[in-house]
Amino acid sequence: MSRVLEEAAPPPVAWRKSSYSVDDSHCVELAPLPHGTVAVRDSKAPEHGTLALPAERFAELRRRIREGDLDLRP
């Protein structure tokens, strides 16, 4: 007898918009993922993909942005 195992669908992701998103032109959304990972996406174009970072790397990215270490000009 053979059995077909169905893959479980991933749980829905709870996206939240950054509180620093003041208009619709520069918005990012964040979502906690399992195993201490943080997902980041462009809220204007979520179909373009998601960046998933370990929580430690995400914290480092946030720190560097806040301290002005990165050139984020378009």
N, C-alpha and C. Protein backbone atom coordinates (compact mmCIF):
# COMPACT_ATOMS: atom_id res chain seq x y z
N MET A 1 0.84 -1.17 0.00
CA MET A 1 0.00 0.00 0.00
C MET A 1 0.90 1.24 0.00
N SER A 2 0.62 2.18 -0.88
CA SER A 2 1.41 3.41 -0.90
C SER A 2 0.56 4.56 -0.38
N ARG A 3 1.24 5.51 0.21
CA ARG A 3 0.55 6.68 0.75
C ARG A 3 1.19 7.92 0.16
N VAL A 4 0.41 8.86 -0.14
CA VAL A 4 0.90 10.15 -0.63
C VAL A 4 0.91 11.10 0.56
N LEU A 5 2.06 11.63 0.81
CA LEU A 5 2.17 12.60 1.90
C LEU A 5 2.02 14.00 1.32
N GLU A 6 1.16 14.74 1.91
CA GLU A 6 0.98 16.11 1.47
C GLU A 6 1.92 17.01 2.26
N GLU A 7 2.53 17.93 1.53
CA GLU A 7 3.38 18.90 2.21
C GLU A 7 2.50 19.90 2.93
N ALA A 8 2.84 20.18 4.14
CA ALA A 8 2.08 21.17 4.90
C ALA A 8 2.38 22.55 4.35
N ALA A 9 1.35 23.33 4.21
CA ALA A 9 1.54 24.71 3.76
C ALA A 9 2.23 25.49 4.86
N PRO A 10 3.13 26.40 4.49
CA PRO A 10 3.78 27.20 5.53
C PRO A 10 2.76 28.08 6.23
N PRO A 11 2.99 28.37 7.50
CA PRO A 11 2.04 29.24 8.20
C PRO A 11 2.06 30.63 7.57
N PRO A 12 0.95 31.35 7.66
CA PRO A 12 0.93 32.70 7.10
C PRO A 12 1.95 33.59 7.83
N VAL A 13 2.50 34.51 7.09
CA VAL A 13 3.50 35.42 7.65
C VAL A 13 2.80 36.71 8.06
N ALA A 14 3.09 37.19 9.25
CA ALA A 14 2.49 38.43 9.76
C ALA A 14 3.39 39.61 9.43
N TRP A 15 3.16 40.23 8.28
CA TRP A 15 3.97 41.38 7.87
C TRP A 15 3.51 42.62 8.61
N ARG A 16 4.49 43.49 8.94
CA ARG A 16 4.14 44.79 9.51
C ARG A 16 5.00 45.85 8.83
N LYS A 17 4.39 46.99 8.59
CA LYS A 17 5.10 48.07 7.92
C LYS A 17 5.97 48.82 8.92
N SER A 18 7.13 49.23 8.48
CA SER A 18 8.03 49.98 9.34
C SER A 18 7.38 51.26 9.80
N SER A 19 7.59 51.62 11.06
CA SER A 19 7.03 52.86 11.59
C SER A 19 7.71 54.09 10.97
N TYR A 20 8.86 53.90 10.32
CA TYR A 20 9.56 54.99 9.66
C TYR A 20 9.06 55.22 8.25
N SER A 21 8.15 54.40 7.76
CA SER A 21 7.59 54.57 6.42
C SER A 21 6.55 55.68 6.49
N VAL A 22 6.93 56.87 6.04
CA VAL A 22 6.04 58.02 6.18
C VAL A 22 5.17 58.24 4.95
N ASP A 23 5.52 57.66 3.85
CA ASP A 23 4.70 57.78 2.64
C ASP A 23 4.78 56.46 1.89
N ASP A 24 4.20 56.43 0.73
CA ASP A 24 4.19 55.17 -0.03
C ASP A 24 5.40 54.99 -0.93
N SER A 25 6.36 55.90 -0.87
CA SER A 25 7.49 55.78 -1.80
C SER A 25 8.67 54.98 -1.23
N HIS A 26 8.84 54.94 0.07
CA HIS A 26 9.97 54.23 0.67
C HIS A 26 9.48 53.38 1.84
N CYS A 27 8.84 52.28 1.54
CA CYS A 27 8.25 51.46 2.59
C CYS A 27 8.84 50.07 2.60
N VAL A 28 9.17 49.61 3.78
CA VAL A 28 9.59 48.22 3.94
C VAL A 28 8.66 47.56 4.94
N GLU A 29 8.51 46.26 4.79
CA GLU A 29 7.72 45.47 5.72
C GLU A 29 8.62 44.40 6.32
N LEU A 30 8.36 44.07 7.56
CA LEU A 30 9.13 43.07 8.28
C LEU A 30 8.19 41.98 8.78
N ALA A 31 8.75 40.77 8.89
CA ALA A 31 7.97 39.66 9.45
C ALA A 31 8.91 38.71 10.17
N PRO A 32 8.53 38.30 11.39
CA PRO A 32 9.33 37.29 12.08
C PRO A 32 9.08 35.93 11.44
N LEU A 33 10.13 35.16 11.25
CA LEU A 33 10.05 33.81 10.70
C LEU A 33 10.56 32.83 11.76
N PRO A 34 10.32 31.55 11.55
CA PRO A 34 10.82 30.56 12.51
C PRO A 34 12.35 30.61 12.64
N HIS A 35 12.83 30.10 13.74
CA HIS A 35 14.26 29.95 13.99
C HIS A 35 15.01 31.27 14.07
N GLY A 36 14.33 32.33 14.54
CA GLY A 36 15.00 33.61 14.75
C GLY A 36 15.41 34.33 13.48
N THR A 37 14.65 34.16 12.42
CA THR A 37 14.94 34.82 11.15
C THR A 37 13.96 35.96 10.96
N VAL A 38 14.40 37.03 10.31
CA VAL A 38 13.55 38.18 10.02
C VAL A 38 13.46 38.32 8.50
N ALA A 39 12.23 38.44 8.00
CA ALA A 39 12.01 38.65 6.57
C ALA A 39 11.79 40.13 6.32
N VAL A 40 12.33 40.63 5.20
CA VAL A 40 12.20 42.03 4.81
C VAL A 40 11.75 42.06 3.35
N ARG A 41 10.79 42.94 3.05
CA ARG A 41 10.37 43.09 1.65
C ARG A 41 9.95 44.53 1.39
N ASP A 42 9.90 44.89 0.13
CA ASP A 42 9.44 46.19 -0.31
C ASP A 42 7.91 46.13 -0.37
N SER A 43 7.24 46.95 0.41
CA SER A 43 5.78 46.86 0.47
C SER A 43 5.12 47.28 -0.84
N LYS A 44 5.82 48.06 -1.67
CA LYS A 44 5.25 48.46 -2.95
C LYS A 44 5.31 47.33 -3.97
N ALA A 45 6.24 46.40 -3.79
CA ALA A 45 6.44 45.33 -4.76
C ALA A 45 6.76 44.01 -4.06
N PRO A 46 5.83 43.49 -3.26
CA PRO A 46 6.11 42.25 -2.52
C PRO A 46 6.37 41.05 -3.44
N GLU A 47 5.90 41.12 -4.67
CA GLU A 47 6.12 40.02 -5.61
C GLU A 47 7.57 39.93 -6.08
N HIS A 48 8.35 40.94 -5.78
CA HIS A 48 9.76 40.94 -6.20
C HIS A 48 10.68 40.20 -5.26
N GLY A 49 10.15 39.61 -4.22
CA GLY A 49 10.97 38.78 -3.37
C GLY A 49 11.11 39.29 -1.95
N THR A 50 11.75 38.46 -1.17
CA THR A 50 11.93 38.71 0.25
C THR A 50 13.37 38.42 0.63
N LEU A 51 13.91 39.25 1.48
CA LEU A 51 15.24 39.03 2.03
C LEU A 51 15.05 38.46 3.43
N ALA A 52 15.63 37.30 3.70
CA ALA A 52 15.52 36.68 5.02
C ALA A 52 16.90 36.71 5.68
N LEU A 53 16.96 37.27 6.87
CA LEU A 53 18.22 37.42 7.59
C LEU A 53 18.12 36.80 8.98
N PRO A 54 19.20 36.18 9.45
CA PRO A 54 19.22 35.77 10.86
C PRO A 54 19.05 37.02 11.72
N ALA A 55 18.41 36.88 12.86
CA ALA A 55 18.11 38.03 13.71
C ALA A 55 19.36 38.85 14.04
N GLU A 56 20.49 38.19 14.24
CA GLU A 56 21.73 38.91 14.57
C GLU A 56 22.17 39.80 13.41
N ARG A 57 22.06 39.29 12.20
CA ARG A 57 22.45 40.08 11.01
C ARG A 57 21.47 41.23 10.78
N PHE A 58 20.19 40.98 11.04
CA PHE A 58 19.20 42.04 10.89
C PHE A 58 19.47 43.16 11.89
N ALA A 59 19.80 42.80 13.12
CA ALA A 59 20.12 43.81 14.14
C ALA A 59 21.33 44.62 13.72
N GLU A 60 22.33 43.95 13.14
CA GLU A 60 23.52 44.66 12.64
C GLU A 60 23.16 45.61 11.50
N LEU A 61 22.30 45.18 10.58
CA LEU A 61 21.86 46.04 9.48
C LEU A 61 21.13 47.25 10.02
N ARG A 62 20.23 47.06 10.97
CA ARG A 62 19.51 48.19 11.58
C ARG A 62 20.48 49.16 12.24
N ARG A 63 21.44 48.63 12.97
CA ARG A 63 22.41 49.50 13.64
C ARG A 63 23.18 50.33 12.62
N ARG A 64 23.64 49.69 11.56
CA ARG A 64 24.43 50.40 10.54
C ARG A 64 23.60 51.46 9.83
N ILE A 65 22.33 51.18 9.60
CA ILE A 65 21.45 52.18 8.97
C ILE A 65 21.27 53.36 9.91
N ARG A 66 20.97 53.09 11.17
CA ARG A 66 20.76 54.16 12.16
C ARG A 66 22.00 55.03 12.34
N GLU A 67 23.17 54.43 12.28
CA GLU A 67 24.41 55.17 12.48
C GLU A 67 24.92 55.83 11.22
N GLY A 68 24.23 55.63 10.10
CA GLY A 68 24.62 56.27 8.84
C GLY A 68 25.81 55.63 8.16
N ASP A 69 26.09 54.37 8.49
CA ASP A 69 27.23 53.66 7.87
C ASP A 69 26.98 53.26 6.42
N LEU A 70 25.72 53.27 5.99
CA LEU A 70 25.37 52.80 4.66
C LEU A 70 24.82 53.94 3.82
N ASP A 71 25.18 53.98 2.56
CA ASP A 71 24.64 54.96 1.64
C ASP A 71 23.35 54.36 1.05
N LEU A 72 22.22 54.85 1.48
CA LEU A 72 20.95 54.28 1.06
C LEU A 72 20.23 55.14 0.04
N ARG A 73 20.94 56.07 -0.57
CA ARG A 73 20.30 56.92 -1.59
C ARG A 73 19.97 56.09 -2.81
N PRO A 74 18.78 56.36 -3.41
CA PRO A 74 18.40 55.63 -4.63
C PRO A 74 19.31 55.95 -5.80
